[in-house]
N, C-alpha and C. Protein backbone atom coordinates (compact mmCIF):
# COMPACT_ATOMS: atom_id res chain seq x y z
N MET A 1 -3.65 -17.60 6.27
CA MET A 1 -3.35 -16.70 6.93
C MET A 1 -3.51 -16.97 8.22
N ILE A 2 -2.43 -16.45 8.94
CA ILE A 2 -2.19 -16.18 10.43
C ILE A 2 -2.40 -14.86 10.83
N VAL A 3 -3.48 -14.48 12.18
CA VAL A 3 -4.03 -13.58 12.42
C VAL A 3 -3.20 -13.62 13.73
N VAL A 4 -2.05 -12.43 13.82
CA VAL A 4 -1.62 -12.47 15.28
C VAL A 4 -2.30 -12.03 16.25
N ASN A 5 -2.99 -12.28 16.77
CA ASN A 5 -4.17 -12.36 18.13
C ASN A 5 -3.28 -12.25 19.51
N HIS A 6 -2.71 -11.29 20.00
CA HIS A 6 -2.38 -10.69 21.09
C HIS A 6 -2.59 -9.77 21.64
N PRO A 7 -2.90 -9.94 23.41
CA PRO A 7 -3.49 -8.15 23.66
C PRO A 7 -2.63 -7.04 23.58
N LEU A 8 -1.45 -7.31 23.24
CA LEU A 8 -0.58 -6.19 23.13
C LEU A 8 -1.05 -5.52 21.88
N VAL A 9 -0.97 -6.74 20.68
CA VAL A 9 -0.83 -6.51 19.31
C VAL A 9 -2.41 -5.93 19.25
N ARG A 10 -3.48 -6.04 20.26
CA ARG A 10 -4.60 -5.39 19.99
C ARG A 10 -4.53 -4.15 20.79
N VAL A 11 -3.55 -3.55 21.71
CA VAL A 11 -3.53 -2.48 22.71
C VAL A 11 -2.64 -1.62 21.51
N HIS A 12 -1.51 -1.84 21.08
CA HIS A 12 -1.25 -0.87 20.03
C HIS A 12 -1.55 -0.08 18.70
N MET A 13 -2.87 -1.77 18.07
CA MET A 13 -3.49 -1.30 16.49
C MET A 13 -4.40 -0.13 17.24
N THR A 14 -5.18 -0.28 18.67
CA THR A 14 -6.01 0.75 18.65
C THR A 14 -5.37 2.11 18.61
N ILE A 15 -4.20 2.06 18.95
CA ILE A 15 -3.23 3.46 19.42
C ILE A 15 -2.98 4.04 17.73
N ILE A 16 -2.59 3.16 16.82
CA ILE A 16 -2.42 3.42 15.26
C ILE A 16 -3.86 3.70 14.74
N ARG A 17 -4.84 2.88 14.68
CA ARG A 17 -6.01 3.12 14.35
C ARG A 17 -6.74 4.66 14.62
N ASP A 18 -6.30 5.43 15.69
CA ASP A 18 -7.07 6.28 16.16
C ASP A 18 -6.80 8.00 15.22
N GLN A 19 -7.10 8.65 14.54
CA GLN A 19 -6.79 9.24 13.72
C GLN A 19 -6.64 10.64 14.72
N GLU A 20 -6.71 10.40 16.08
CA GLU A 20 -5.99 11.82 17.16
C GLU A 20 -4.21 11.19 17.13
N SER A 21 -4.22 10.18 17.06
CA SER A 21 -2.69 9.60 17.22
C SER A 21 -1.83 10.85 16.45
N THR A 22 -0.61 11.17 17.21
CA THR A 22 0.57 11.83 16.77
C THR A 22 1.12 11.05 15.71
N VAL A 23 2.35 11.94 14.45
CA VAL A 23 3.37 11.39 13.74
C VAL A 23 4.06 10.10 14.86
N ASP A 24 4.62 11.09 15.98
CA ASP A 24 5.43 10.16 16.36
C ASP A 24 5.00 8.82 17.08
N GLN A 25 3.35 9.21 17.54
CA GLN A 25 2.55 8.07 18.18
C GLN A 25 2.73 7.12 17.49
N PHE A 26 2.05 7.51 15.75
CA PHE A 26 2.09 6.14 14.83
C PHE A 26 3.56 5.44 14.96
N ARG A 27 4.67 6.12 14.54
CA ARG A 27 5.87 5.43 14.49
C ARG A 27 6.22 4.51 15.16
N SER A 28 5.93 5.19 16.29
CA SER A 28 6.67 4.38 17.16
C SER A 28 5.37 3.06 17.75
N HIS A 29 4.16 2.89 17.80
CA HIS A 29 3.63 1.96 18.15
C HIS A 29 3.14 0.67 16.84
N LEU A 30 3.62 1.52 15.92
CA LEU A 30 3.80 0.87 14.42
C LEU A 30 5.40 0.06 14.94
N THR A 31 6.41 0.68 15.05
CA THR A 31 7.59 -0.50 15.51
C THR A 31 7.45 -1.26 16.75
N ALA A 32 6.35 -1.57 17.24
CA ALA A 32 6.04 -2.10 18.64
C ALA A 32 5.42 -3.47 17.78
N LEU A 33 4.47 -2.99 17.28
CA LEU A 33 3.63 -3.80 16.41
C LEU A 33 4.57 -4.98 15.96
N ALA A 34 5.74 -4.44 14.79
CA ALA A 34 6.56 -5.08 14.23
C ALA A 34 7.09 -6.40 15.38
N HIS A 35 7.45 -5.22 16.34
CA HIS A 35 8.45 -6.07 17.51
C HIS A 35 7.45 -7.40 17.40
N LEU A 36 6.33 -7.13 18.01
CA LEU A 36 5.49 -8.16 18.43
C LEU A 36 5.12 -9.23 17.01
N MET A 37 5.04 -9.10 15.59
CA MET A 37 4.53 -9.76 14.39
C MET A 37 5.90 -10.58 14.24
N ALA A 38 7.33 -9.70 14.77
CA ALA A 38 8.78 -10.56 13.75
C ALA A 38 8.73 -12.12 14.96
N PHE A 39 8.44 -12.44 15.93
CA PHE A 39 8.20 -13.49 16.70
C PHE A 39 7.63 -14.79 16.06
N PRO A 40 5.84 -14.21 15.39
CA PRO A 40 5.33 -15.74 15.05
C PRO A 40 5.91 -15.81 13.04
N VAL A 41 6.41 -14.28 12.89
CA VAL A 41 6.94 -14.69 11.19
C VAL A 41 8.38 -15.22 11.39
N LEU A 42 8.91 -14.96 12.02
CA LEU A 42 10.17 -16.31 12.45
C LEU A 42 10.75 -17.21 13.14
N GLN A 43 9.40 -17.46 13.41
CA GLN A 43 9.78 -18.55 14.56
C GLN A 43 10.26 -20.16 14.25
N ASP A 44 10.16 -20.30 12.80
CA ASP A 44 10.68 -21.33 12.05
C ASP A 44 12.15 -21.19 11.03
N LEU A 45 12.66 -20.11 11.80
CA LEU A 45 13.99 -19.79 11.15
C LEU A 45 15.24 -20.78 11.22
N ALA A 46 15.89 -21.45 10.27
CA ALA A 46 16.95 -22.47 10.35
C ALA A 46 17.70 -21.73 11.13
N THR A 47 18.53 -22.82 12.02
CA THR A 47 19.56 -22.36 13.28
C THR A 47 20.96 -24.04 12.77
N GLU A 48 22.09 -23.21 12.97
CA GLU A 48 23.15 -24.01 13.07
C GLU A 48 23.99 -24.55 14.69
N SER A 49 24.05 -25.21 14.88
CA SER A 49 25.11 -25.42 15.95
C SER A 49 26.48 -24.70 16.50
N VAL A 50 26.55 -24.43 17.01
CA VAL A 50 28.07 -23.36 17.86
C VAL A 50 28.10 -23.96 18.97
N ARG A 51 29.58 -23.82 18.88
CA ARG A 51 30.66 -23.46 20.35
C ARG A 51 30.52 -22.75 21.10
N VAL A 52 29.96 -22.35 21.91
CA VAL A 52 31.02 -20.61 22.52
C VAL A 52 31.00 -21.03 23.93
N HIS A 53 32.06 -19.98 24.25
CA HIS A 53 33.00 -19.79 26.47
C HIS A 53 32.07 -18.75 26.40
N THR A 54 31.52 -19.62 27.87
CA THR A 54 31.19 -18.45 28.49
C THR A 54 31.95 -18.05 29.67
N PRO A 55 32.27 -16.98 30.54
CA PRO A 55 33.44 -16.84 31.26
C PRO A 55 33.83 -18.34 32.06
N LEU A 56 32.68 -19.09 32.41
CA LEU A 56 32.87 -19.88 32.95
C LEU A 56 33.39 -21.22 32.42
N ALA A 57 32.57 -21.66 31.22
CA ALA A 57 32.90 -22.96 30.53
C ALA A 57 32.27 -22.72 29.33
N GLU A 58 32.39 -23.45 28.66
CA GLU A 58 32.17 -24.25 26.84
C GLU A 58 30.66 -25.01 27.05
N THR A 59 30.08 -24.13 26.35
CA THR A 59 28.69 -24.81 25.77
C THR A 59 28.15 -24.55 24.82
N GLY A 60 27.14 -25.47 24.65
CA GLY A 60 26.56 -25.11 22.74
C GLY A 60 25.39 -23.97 22.84
N GLY A 61 25.59 -23.62 21.55
CA GLY A 61 24.41 -22.85 21.22
C GLY A 61 23.87 -22.46 20.00
N GLU A 62 23.20 -21.58 18.96
CA GLU A 62 23.04 -21.61 17.85
C GLU A 62 22.94 -20.48 16.84
N ARG A 63 23.40 -20.32 16.04
CA ARG A 63 23.49 -18.98 15.61
C ARG A 63 21.98 -19.24 14.13
N LEU A 64 22.02 -18.28 12.81
CA LEU A 64 21.03 -18.35 12.07
C LEU A 64 21.40 -18.87 10.95
N LEU A 65 21.14 -19.58 10.00
CA LEU A 65 21.74 -20.46 9.38
C LEU A 65 22.04 -19.17 8.01
N TYR A 66 20.99 -18.52 7.68
CA TYR A 66 20.43 -17.63 7.05
C TYR A 66 19.62 -16.18 7.85
N GLU A 67 20.81 -15.05 7.86
CA GLU A 67 20.04 -14.00 8.25
C GLU A 67 18.39 -13.83 7.15
N PRO A 68 17.32 -13.31 7.47
CA PRO A 68 16.15 -12.75 6.76
C PRO A 68 16.61 -11.68 5.72
N VAL A 69 15.96 -11.61 5.09
CA VAL A 69 15.69 -10.30 3.86
C VAL A 69 14.73 -9.78 4.14
N LEU A 70 14.53 -8.35 4.57
CA LEU A 70 13.57 -7.90 4.90
C LEU A 70 13.31 -6.93 3.30
N VAL A 71 11.74 -6.83 2.84
CA VAL A 71 11.71 -6.07 1.50
C VAL A 71 10.69 -5.13 1.94
N PRO A 72 10.41 -3.99 2.66
CA PRO A 72 9.69 -3.30 2.91
C PRO A 72 9.21 -2.75 0.81
N ILE A 73 7.88 -2.53 1.18
CA ILE A 73 7.42 -2.07 0.02
C ILE A 73 7.27 -0.23 0.17
N LEU A 74 8.18 0.51 -0.46
CA LEU A 74 8.50 1.90 -0.27
C LEU A 74 6.64 2.68 -0.65
N ARG A 75 6.40 3.71 0.35
CA ARG A 75 7.50 3.83 1.23
C ARG A 75 6.63 3.08 2.53
N ALA A 76 5.36 3.06 2.82
CA ALA A 76 4.91 2.99 4.12
C ALA A 76 5.04 1.39 4.61
N GLY A 77 5.87 0.38 3.76
CA GLY A 77 6.98 -0.69 4.39
C GLY A 77 8.08 -0.48 5.18
N LEU A 78 8.11 0.77 5.28
CA LEU A 78 9.06 1.45 6.11
C LEU A 78 9.17 1.19 7.60
N GLY A 79 8.00 1.63 7.69
CA GLY A 79 7.61 1.68 9.24
C GLY A 79 7.60 0.05 9.77
N LEU A 80 7.77 -1.27 8.88
CA LEU A 80 8.00 -1.87 9.91
C LEU A 80 9.43 -2.61 10.10
N VAL A 81 10.53 -1.99 9.03
CA VAL A 81 11.59 -2.58 9.25
C VAL A 81 12.22 -2.33 10.49
N GLU A 82 12.57 -1.46 10.88
CA GLU A 82 13.13 -1.28 12.44
C GLU A 82 12.71 -2.10 13.53
N GLY A 83 11.20 -2.75 13.56
CA GLY A 83 11.59 -3.64 14.48
C GLY A 83 11.63 -4.82 14.19
N PHE A 84 11.96 -5.18 12.74
CA PHE A 84 12.24 -6.56 12.54
C PHE A 84 13.57 -6.73 12.94
N ARG A 85 14.72 -5.27 12.55
CA ARG A 85 16.19 -5.45 12.86
C ARG A 85 16.49 -4.77 13.81
N ASP A 86 15.81 -4.91 14.61
CA ASP A 86 15.98 -4.64 16.46
C ASP A 86 16.53 -6.07 17.05
N LEU A 87 15.83 -6.89 16.25
CA LEU A 87 15.44 -8.22 16.88
C LEU A 87 16.73 -9.14 16.34
N ILE A 88 17.10 -8.67 15.08
CA ILE A 88 18.33 -9.41 13.96
C ILE A 88 18.73 -8.52 13.35
N PRO A 89 20.25 -7.74 13.64
CA PRO A 89 20.21 -6.08 13.23
C PRO A 89 21.11 -6.98 12.31
N ARG A 90 21.73 -7.69 11.66
CA ARG A 90 22.19 -8.30 10.71
C ARG A 90 21.50 -8.92 9.55
N SER A 91 20.33 -8.43 9.59
CA SER A 91 18.86 -8.48 8.48
C SER A 91 19.33 -7.63 7.10
N ILE A 92 19.21 -8.36 6.12
CA ILE A 92 19.09 -7.51 5.13
C ILE A 92 18.26 -6.85 4.23
N VAL A 93 18.45 -5.75 4.01
CA VAL A 93 16.97 -4.84 3.96
C VAL A 93 16.99 -4.31 1.95
N SER A 94 15.89 -4.94 1.43
CA SER A 94 16.04 -4.33 -0.07
C SER A 94 14.49 -4.23 -0.23
N HIS A 95 14.76 -3.06 -0.83
CA HIS A 95 14.25 -2.36 -0.90
C HIS A 95 12.87 -2.09 -2.62
N LEU A 96 11.68 -2.08 -1.95
CA LEU A 96 11.21 -2.13 -3.30
C LEU A 96 9.71 -1.28 -3.28
N GLY A 97 10.17 -0.03 -4.75
CA GLY A 97 9.49 0.93 -4.81
C GLY A 97 7.99 0.33 -5.41
N MET A 98 6.95 1.13 -5.16
CA MET A 98 5.59 0.14 -5.74
C MET A 98 4.63 2.06 -5.50
N TYR A 99 3.62 2.12 -6.05
CA TYR A 99 2.69 3.13 -6.10
C TYR A 99 1.57 2.76 -6.46
N ARG A 100 0.40 3.13 -6.15
CA ARG A 100 -1.06 2.53 -6.87
C ARG A 100 -1.33 4.04 -7.73
N ASP A 101 -1.51 3.19 -8.99
CA ASP A 101 -2.11 4.58 -9.99
C ASP A 101 -3.59 4.57 -9.57
N HIS A 102 -3.82 6.17 -8.99
CA HIS A 102 -5.39 5.91 -8.41
C HIS A 102 -6.70 6.16 -9.25
N ARG A 103 -6.44 6.16 -10.78
CA ARG A 103 -7.23 5.91 -11.35
C ARG A 103 -7.03 4.27 -12.03
N THR A 104 -6.89 3.72 -11.77
CA THR A 104 -6.69 2.38 -12.49
C THR A 104 -6.72 1.15 -11.26
N LYS A 105 -5.94 2.02 -9.94
CA LYS A 105 -5.92 1.46 -8.98
C LYS A 105 -5.14 0.35 -8.63
N LYS A 106 -4.02 0.03 -9.90
CA LYS A 106 -3.05 -1.32 -9.60
C LYS A 106 -1.46 -0.45 -9.67
N PRO A 107 -1.00 -1.54 -9.32
CA PRO A 107 0.44 -0.88 -8.67
C PRO A 107 1.29 -0.94 -10.16
N VAL A 108 2.06 0.09 -9.66
CA VAL A 108 3.18 0.67 -10.73
C VAL A 108 4.45 0.29 -9.94
N ARG A 109 5.47 -0.69 -10.32
CA ARG A 109 6.98 -0.56 -9.48
C ARG A 109 7.86 0.67 -10.28
N TYR A 110 8.63 0.95 -9.55
CA TYR A 110 9.40 2.24 -9.92
C TYR A 110 11.04 1.88 -9.52
N TYR A 111 11.28 1.00 -8.50
CA TYR A 111 12.56 1.08 -7.75
C TYR A 111 12.85 -0.71 -7.81
N SER A 112 13.47 -0.96 -7.39
CA SER A 112 14.17 -2.60 -6.43
C SER A 112 15.43 -2.70 -6.72
N ASN A 113 16.29 -3.43 -5.60
CA ASN A 113 17.51 -3.68 -5.85
C ASN A 113 17.62 -5.39 -4.54
N PHE A 114 17.56 -6.31 -5.32
CA PHE A 114 17.66 -7.42 -5.40
C PHE A 114 18.57 -7.65 -4.64
N PRO A 115 19.01 -8.66 -3.63
CA PRO A 115 20.57 -8.39 -2.46
C PRO A 115 21.45 -9.50 -3.88
N LEU A 116 22.18 -9.55 -4.15
CA LEU A 116 23.19 -10.32 -4.50
C LEU A 116 23.52 -12.00 -4.16
N ASN A 117 22.87 -13.43 -4.33
CA ASN A 117 23.62 -14.53 -4.27
C ASN A 117 22.74 -14.31 -2.54
N CYS A 118 21.59 -14.49 -2.35
CA CYS A 118 20.18 -14.03 -1.22
C CYS A 118 19.26 -15.23 -1.46
N GLN A 119 19.49 -15.64 -3.09
CA GLN A 119 17.91 -16.84 -2.88
C GLN A 119 17.79 -17.98 -1.47
N ALA A 120 18.26 -17.77 -1.07
CA ALA A 120 18.10 -19.51 -0.09
C ALA A 120 17.85 -18.45 1.03
N HIS A 121 17.68 -17.52 1.07
CA HIS A 121 17.73 -16.57 2.48
C HIS A 121 16.00 -16.50 2.57
N PRO A 122 15.46 -16.82 3.63
CA PRO A 122 13.86 -16.32 4.20
C PRO A 122 13.80 -15.17 3.70
N PHE A 123 12.90 -14.64 2.82
CA PHE A 123 12.25 -12.88 2.60
C PHE A 123 10.91 -12.73 3.47
N VAL A 124 11.13 -11.69 3.95
CA VAL A 124 10.00 -10.90 4.63
C VAL A 124 9.33 -9.62 3.76
N LEU A 125 8.25 -9.61 3.31
CA LEU A 125 7.64 -8.81 2.45
C LEU A 125 6.68 -8.16 3.43
N LEU A 126 7.23 -6.02 3.39
CA LEU A 126 7.08 -5.81 4.72
C LEU A 126 6.23 -4.57 3.76
N ASP A 127 4.64 -4.88 4.27
CA ASP A 127 3.45 -3.61 3.85
C ASP A 127 2.43 -3.80 4.86
N PRO A 128 2.35 -1.84 5.11
CA PRO A 128 0.99 -2.30 6.38
C PRO A 128 -0.01 -2.97 6.09
N MET A 129 -0.48 -2.80 4.78
CA MET A 129 -1.36 -2.18 4.61
C MET A 129 -1.98 -3.72 2.66
N LEU A 130 -2.95 -4.49 3.44
CA LEU A 130 -3.05 -5.38 2.27
C LEU A 130 -4.25 -5.30 1.79
N ALA A 131 -4.54 -4.47 0.94
CA ALA A 131 -5.61 -4.02 0.54
C ALA A 131 -6.66 -4.76 -0.56
N THR A 132 -5.98 -4.49 -1.94
CA THR A 132 -6.95 -5.30 -2.78
C THR A 132 -5.54 -6.25 -3.39
N GLY A 133 -4.51 -6.59 -2.90
CA GLY A 133 -3.57 -7.71 -2.63
C GLY A 133 -3.24 -6.87 -4.23
N GLY A 134 -3.47 -5.98 -5.38
CA GLY A 134 -2.32 -6.15 -6.02
C GLY A 134 -1.14 -5.85 -6.03
N SER A 135 -0.41 -5.04 -5.33
CA SER A 135 0.61 -4.48 -5.09
C SER A 135 1.45 -5.74 -4.49
N ALA A 136 0.84 -6.93 -3.30
CA ALA A 136 1.47 -7.60 -2.74
C ALA A 136 1.69 -8.52 -3.99
N VAL A 137 0.38 -9.02 -5.08
CA VAL A 137 1.22 -10.25 -5.81
C VAL A 137 2.31 -9.60 -6.60
N ASP A 138 1.97 -8.31 -7.18
CA ASP A 138 3.17 -7.91 -8.20
C ASP A 138 4.79 -8.15 -7.42
N ALA A 139 4.43 -7.82 -6.22
CA ALA A 139 6.10 -7.58 -5.31
C ALA A 139 6.24 -9.54 -5.35
N LEU A 140 5.57 -9.96 -5.05
CA LEU A 140 5.87 -11.49 -4.89
C LEU A 140 6.52 -11.98 -6.07
N ASP A 141 5.94 -11.59 -7.00
CA ASP A 141 6.02 -12.18 -8.83
C ASP A 141 7.57 -11.89 -9.40
N TYR A 142 7.62 -11.12 -8.31
CA TYR A 142 9.24 -10.21 -8.38
C TYR A 142 10.04 -11.14 -8.13
N LEU A 143 9.82 -11.04 -6.73
CA LEU A 143 11.20 -11.78 -5.89
C LEU A 143 11.00 -13.15 -6.44
N LYS A 144 9.90 -13.81 -6.53
CA LYS A 144 10.24 -15.01 -6.96
C LYS A 144 10.77 -15.45 -8.60
N GLN A 145 10.91 -14.11 -9.21
CA GLN A 145 11.65 -14.23 -10.74
C GLN A 145 13.08 -13.85 -10.42
N GLU A 146 13.38 -13.79 -9.09
CA GLU A 146 14.50 -13.21 -9.11
C GLU A 146 15.28 -14.47 -7.71
N GLY A 147 14.09 -15.06 -8.12
CA GLY A 147 15.26 -16.85 -7.45
C GLY A 147 14.37 -16.83 -5.82
N ALA A 148 13.82 -16.39 -5.10
CA ALA A 148 13.27 -15.99 -3.72
C ALA A 148 12.64 -17.27 -3.46
N GLN A 149 12.71 -18.35 -2.93
CA GLN A 149 12.24 -19.57 -2.83
C GLN A 149 11.19 -19.40 -1.11
N ASP A 150 11.87 -19.04 -0.20
CA ASP A 150 11.51 -18.56 0.93
C ASP A 150 10.71 -17.18 1.41
N ILE A 151 9.49 -17.45 1.29
CA ILE A 151 8.72 -15.80 1.16
C ILE A 151 7.43 -15.74 2.39
N ARG A 152 7.69 -14.49 2.90
CA ARG A 152 6.33 -14.53 4.23
C ARG A 152 6.17 -13.21 3.82
N LEU A 153 4.57 -12.79 4.14
CA LEU A 153 4.08 -11.54 4.05
C LEU A 153 3.55 -11.37 5.37
N VAL A 154 3.97 -10.20 5.51
CA VAL A 154 3.62 -9.58 6.88
C VAL A 154 2.95 -8.23 6.95
N SER A 155 1.36 -7.88 7.10
CA SER A 155 0.37 -6.45 7.13
C SER A 155 0.55 -6.33 8.21
N ILE A 156 0.01 -5.41 8.98
CA ILE A 156 -0.56 -4.83 9.89
C ILE A 156 -1.87 -4.70 9.83
N ILE A 157 -2.64 -4.14 8.63
CA ILE A 157 -4.01 -4.79 8.59
C ILE A 157 -4.39 -4.99 7.42
N ALA A 158 -5.26 -6.00 7.20
CA ALA A 158 -5.50 -6.70 5.87
C ALA A 158 -6.61 -6.55 5.85
N ALA A 159 -7.41 -7.02 4.52
CA ALA A 159 -9.10 -7.08 3.56
C ALA A 159 -9.12 -8.39 2.86
N PRO A 160 -10.11 -9.06 3.30
CA PRO A 160 -10.90 -10.37 2.78
C PRO A 160 -10.38 -10.04 1.11
N PRO A 161 -10.41 -9.22 0.54
CA PRO A 161 -10.14 -9.11 -1.32
C PRO A 161 -8.44 -9.50 -1.63
N GLY A 162 -7.75 -8.95 -0.53
CA GLY A 162 -6.28 -9.13 -1.20
C GLY A 162 -6.29 -10.10 -0.35
N VAL A 163 -6.26 -10.61 0.76
CA VAL A 163 -5.67 -11.64 1.25
C VAL A 163 -6.44 -12.45 0.66
N ALA A 164 -7.64 -13.02 -0.47
CA ALA A 164 -7.77 -13.77 -1.23
C ALA A 164 -7.09 -14.01 -2.49
N LEU A 165 -6.84 -12.82 -2.74
CA LEU A 165 -6.14 -12.76 -4.11
C LEU A 165 -4.55 -13.21 -4.02
N VAL A 166 -4.28 -12.71 -2.86
CA VAL A 166 -2.26 -13.27 -2.71
C VAL A 166 -2.69 -15.00 -2.30
N GLU A 167 -3.62 -15.30 -1.76
CA GLU A 167 -3.75 -16.92 -1.62
C GLU A 167 -3.86 -17.70 -3.15
N SER A 168 -4.67 -16.76 -3.38
CA SER A 168 -4.90 -17.32 -5.14
C SER A 168 -3.71 -17.32 -6.17
N ARG A 169 -2.89 -16.47 -6.19
CA ARG A 169 -1.79 -16.28 -6.57
C ARG A 169 -0.59 -17.02 -6.75
N HIS A 170 -0.47 -16.72 -5.30
CA HIS A 170 0.71 -17.25 -4.28
C HIS A 170 0.32 -17.93 -3.34
N PRO A 171 -0.06 -19.74 -3.24
CA PRO A 171 -0.59 -20.02 -2.32
C PRO A 171 0.33 -20.76 -1.13
N ASP A 172 1.49 -20.74 -1.77
CA ASP A 172 2.55 -20.96 -0.70
C ASP A 172 3.51 -19.74 -0.11
N VAL A 173 2.74 -18.72 -0.01
CA VAL A 173 3.31 -17.36 0.68
C VAL A 173 2.22 -17.69 2.16
N LYS A 174 3.16 -17.82 3.33
CA LYS A 174 2.43 -17.43 4.32
C LYS A 174 2.09 -15.65 4.92
N ILE A 175 0.97 -15.61 4.87
CA ILE A 175 0.51 -14.09 5.28
C ILE A 175 0.00 -13.81 6.82
N PHE A 176 1.17 -12.76 7.18
CA PHE A 176 0.58 -12.59 8.55
C PHE A 176 0.40 -10.98 8.94
N THR A 177 -1.11 -11.21 9.52
CA THR A 177 -1.54 -9.81 10.15
C THR A 177 -1.71 -9.83 11.08
N ALA A 178 -2.16 -8.30 11.69
CA ALA A 178 -2.58 -7.88 12.95
C ALA A 178 -3.72 -8.24 13.33
N ALA A 179 -4.75 -7.65 12.05
CA ALA A 179 -6.19 -7.79 12.03
C ALA A 179 -6.81 -7.36 10.48
N LEU A 180 -8.17 -8.62 10.56
CA LEU A 180 -9.01 -8.46 9.12
C LEU A 180 -9.79 -7.77 9.35
N ASP A 181 -9.95 -7.05 8.38
CA ASP A 181 -10.51 -6.03 8.69
C ASP A 181 -12.21 -6.13 7.45
N GLU A 182 -13.18 -5.19 7.74
CA GLU A 182 -14.48 -5.70 7.29
C GLU A 182 -14.32 -5.82 5.72
N LYS A 183 -13.89 -4.77 5.06
CA LYS A 183 -14.07 -4.55 3.70
C LYS A 183 -13.20 -3.28 3.18
N LEU A 184 -13.46 -2.79 1.63
CA LEU A 184 -12.53 -2.10 1.30
C LEU A 184 -14.00 -0.97 0.20
N ASP A 185 -13.13 0.43 0.65
CA ASP A 185 -14.29 0.98 0.50
C ASP A 185 -14.10 1.52 -1.38
N HIS A 186 -15.29 2.66 -1.93
CA HIS A 186 -14.99 2.34 -3.30
C HIS A 186 -13.39 2.79 -3.62
N ASN A 187 -12.29 3.86 -2.73
CA ASN A 187 -11.24 4.03 -3.16
C ASN A 187 -10.45 2.80 -3.36
N ALA A 188 -10.30 1.80 -2.85
CA ALA A 188 -9.62 0.59 -2.66
C ALA A 188 -9.05 0.51 -1.38
N TYR A 189 -9.68 1.58 0.08
CA TYR A 189 -9.02 1.46 0.80
C TYR A 189 -10.14 0.94 2.25
N ILE A 190 -9.30 0.29 2.95
CA ILE A 190 -9.60 -0.89 3.80
C ILE A 190 -10.67 -0.14 5.05
N VAL A 191 -11.77 -0.49 5.20
CA VAL A 191 -12.76 0.15 6.14
C VAL A 191 -12.87 -1.51 7.33
N PRO A 192 -12.38 -0.83 8.88
CA PRO A 192 -11.99 0.84 9.18
C PRO A 192 -11.01 0.91 9.18
N GLY A 193 -9.83 0.32 8.86
CA GLY A 193 -8.59 0.48 8.63
C GLY A 193 -7.95 1.72 9.04
N LEU A 194 -7.16 2.08 9.15
CA LEU A 194 -6.33 3.12 9.76
C LEU A 194 -5.90 4.68 9.00
N GLY A 195 -6.35 4.93 7.39
CA GLY A 195 -6.11 5.87 6.46
C GLY A 195 -4.79 5.42 5.94
N ASP A 196 -4.19 6.44 5.39
CA ASP A 196 -2.80 5.78 4.57
C ASP A 196 -1.82 5.77 5.26
N ALA A 197 -1.09 4.83 5.50
CA ALA A 197 -0.60 4.17 6.41
C ALA A 197 0.42 5.23 5.87
N GLY A 198 1.20 5.40 4.93
CA GLY A 198 2.34 6.06 4.75
C GLY A 198 2.01 7.65 4.83
N ASP A 199 1.68 8.60 4.65
CA ASP A 199 1.22 9.92 5.26
C ASP A 199 1.00 9.62 6.73
N ARG A 200 0.27 8.71 7.23
CA ARG A 200 0.52 9.02 8.61
C ARG A 200 1.83 8.64 9.45
N GLN A 201 2.57 7.78 8.95
CA GLN A 201 3.68 7.72 9.36
C GLN A 201 5.00 8.87 9.31
N PHE A 202 4.70 9.57 7.82
CA PHE A 202 5.61 10.74 7.66
C PHE A 202 5.29 12.07 7.85
N GLY A 203 3.67 11.70 8.15
CA GLY A 203 3.67 13.21 8.80
C GLY A 203 3.08 14.15 7.18
N THR A 204 2.94 13.53 6.01
CA THR A 204 1.88 14.20 4.86
C THR A 204 0.78 14.16 4.84
N LEU A 205 0.78 14.28 5.74
CA LEU A 205 -1.53 14.39 5.71
C LEU A 205 -1.73 15.97 5.10
N GLU A 206 -2.74 15.95 4.09
CA GLU A 206 -3.44 16.88 3.55
C GLU A 206 -3.93 18.21 4.57
């Protein structure tokens, strides 16, 4: 697991944790966090050499060999997509719909759209909260079944049980997070956490 420990990450994290932050504030600072997280997550993308003409001369450059495939777990993961796409506009977005059964605390998959002929591309699984790890493991199982080989998991806040489960079931997948929190409560929410990331970014709080 890699904790992205940058001063700006800590500042944006403070704002999205604050229960007084508005929906607009939450969304904008979540996007800012995605921008910052994208650099370490994507630092080893493969490139190929190209030649370009500046207004003055021909010179060498690079372009991506494969654009990354962003896989937000619906719906909370949507808040991280634009931060990555701002940096790589041609990124492919493959949605994965899952929800947590509040009785069993287990993930239920209800939608997926794996992109055709993209198995060689790097995949970035996006889910702001890595709590129990059940949804992440199920999503990683699905991506590997479809042929994905290079997968990175990005969360904003993680809890030790979720990290441990992912590392035990998918040791080849790098986990990137902005904070490792203390624990889970009896409802399997991260403490201190930030509440429900989906509700807070879409304004569906009760």
